[in-house]
Amino acid sequence: MPSWRSSIPPAQPSSTSRTRRSRRDAGLGIAVDATGNVHVTGYTRSSNFPTTAGAFQTSFGGGFYEVFVANSNPAGFALVYSTYLGGAAPTSATRSP
């Protein structure tokens, strides 16, 4: 089970996360694993949300919102993995206990 932190030290954004997004983005869940890697999920309407090489889905699927999953290193300075998850139909994600 992931550990949850109520506050996370501010991080300097990586060059990929400084991209001005075209639409609304919202982080809905965050977890920090035992090694300190930060895992974030949420939704976006941005067609230019930053994704990483080798991501499952690197482009917006055309739905009203797309789910995203992103991971950063323990310092929060590097985007390790980021992908869209979704398609033309409405998409949502929840966290199970």
Protein backbone atom coordinates (compact mmCIF):
# COMPACT_ATOMS: atom_id res chain seq x y z
CA MET A 1 0.00 0.00 0.00
CA PRO A 2 1.46 3.40 -0.90
CA SER A 3 2.31 5.86 1.81
CA TRP A 4 0.55 9.24 1.60
CA ARG A 5 2.06 12.58 2.54
CA SER A 6 -0.03 15.59 3.42
CA SER A 7 2.64 17.99 2.23
CA ILE A 8 5.43 17.61 -0.26
CA PRO A 9 8.39 19.98 -0.45
CA PRO A 10 8.18 22.39 -3.38
CA ALA A 11 10.01 21.15 -6.43
CA GLN A 12 11.53 22.95 -9.34
CA PRO A 13 9.67 21.88 -12.47
CA SER A 14 11.58 19.92 -15.06
CA SER A 15 11.89 21.38 -18.53
CA THR A 16 9.08 19.11 -19.75
CA SER A 17 6.69 20.28 -17.06
CA ARG A 18 7.26 23.97 -17.83
CA THR A 19 5.33 23.59 -21.07
CA ARG A 20 2.28 25.84 -21.16
CA ARG A 21 -0.69 23.53 -21.41
CA SER A 22 -3.55 24.26 -23.74
CA ARG A 23 -6.38 23.31 -21.35
CA ARG A 24 -7.25 22.41 -17.78
CA ASP A 25 -5.14 19.91 -15.79
CA ALA A 26 -5.96 18.57 -12.32
CA GLY A 27 -4.02 16.21 -10.08
CA LEU A 28 -6.39 14.06 -8.02
CA GLY A 29 -4.17 11.48 -6.35
CA ILE A 30 -0.59 11.38 -5.17
CA ALA A 31 1.47 8.60 -3.60
CA VAL A 32 5.09 8.30 -2.57
CA ASP A 33 6.63 4.85 -2.72
CA ALA A 34 9.23 3.38 -0.37
CA THR A 35 12.11 4.76 -2.46
CA GLY A 36 10.64 8.28 -2.56
CA ASN A 37 9.37 8.27 -6.14
CA VAL A 38 6.26 10.43 -6.52
CA HIS A 39 3.26 9.01 -8.43
CA VAL A 40 0.48 11.38 -9.52
CA THR A 41 -2.78 10.73 -11.33
CA GLY A 42 -5.47 13.09 -12.47
CA TYR A 43 -7.15 14.38 -15.59
CA THR A 44 -6.36 16.82 -18.34
CA ARG A 45 -7.98 18.46 -21.33
CA SER A 46 -4.57 19.47 -22.66
CA SER A 47 -3.46 18.19 -26.02
CA ASN A 48 0.11 19.13 -25.09
CA PHE A 49 0.38 17.52 -21.63
CA PRO A 50 4.00 16.36 -21.21
CA THR A 51 4.53 12.66 -21.90
CA THR A 52 7.75 10.69 -21.88
CA ALA A 53 9.44 8.53 -24.49
CA GLY A 54 8.03 5.02 -24.42
CA ALA A 55 4.78 6.12 -22.73
CA PHE A 56 1.71 3.95 -23.21
CA GLN A 57 -0.20 6.82 -24.87
CA THR A 58 1.67 9.93 -25.97
CA SER A 59 -1.19 11.92 -27.47
CA PHE A 60 -4.61 13.12 -26.36
CA GLY A 61 -7.24 10.51 -27.28
CA GLY A 62 -10.03 12.94 -28.13
CA GLY A 63 -12.35 12.51 -25.15
CA PHE A 64 -13.59 15.43 -23.09
CA TYR A 65 -10.93 14.60 -20.47
CA GLU A 66 -8.06 12.13 -20.44
CA VAL A 67 -6.63 10.47 -17.35
CA PHE A 68 -2.89 10.96 -16.85
CA VAL A 69 -0.36 9.03 -14.81
CA ALA A 70 3.00 10.63 -14.06
CA ASN A 71 6.00 9.70 -11.94
CA SER A 72 8.90 11.87 -10.82
CA ASN A 73 12.14 11.11 -9.05
CA PRO A 74 12.37 11.52 -5.24
CA ALA A 75 13.65 15.10 -5.55
CA GLY A 76 10.71 16.01 -7.81
CA PHE A 77 13.05 17.51 -10.39
CA ALA A 78 12.78 14.93 -13.17
CA LEU A 79 9.76 13.55 -14.93
CA VAL A 80 10.48 9.81 -15.11
CA TYR A 81 7.27 8.64 -16.78
CA SER A 82 4.11 10.35 -17.97
CA THR A 83 1.26 9.07 -20.13
CA TYR A 84 -2.30 9.76 -21.12
CA LEU A 85 -4.86 6.98 -20.55
CA GLY A 86 -8.08 7.22 -22.48
CA GLY A 87 -9.83 7.56 -25.79
CA ALA A 88 -12.84 9.19 -27.39
CA ALA A 89 -15.22 8.11 -24.61
CA PRO A 90 -15.31 9.85 -21.18
CA THR A 91 -12.47 8.59 -18.98
CA SER A 92 -11.99 8.66 -15.21
CA ALA A 93 -9.80 7.02 -12.57
CA THR A 94 -10.19 6.22 -8.91
CA ARG A 95 -7.89 4.93 -6.20
CA SER A 96 -8.80 1.70 -4.43
CA PRO A 97 -7.93 1.37 -0.74
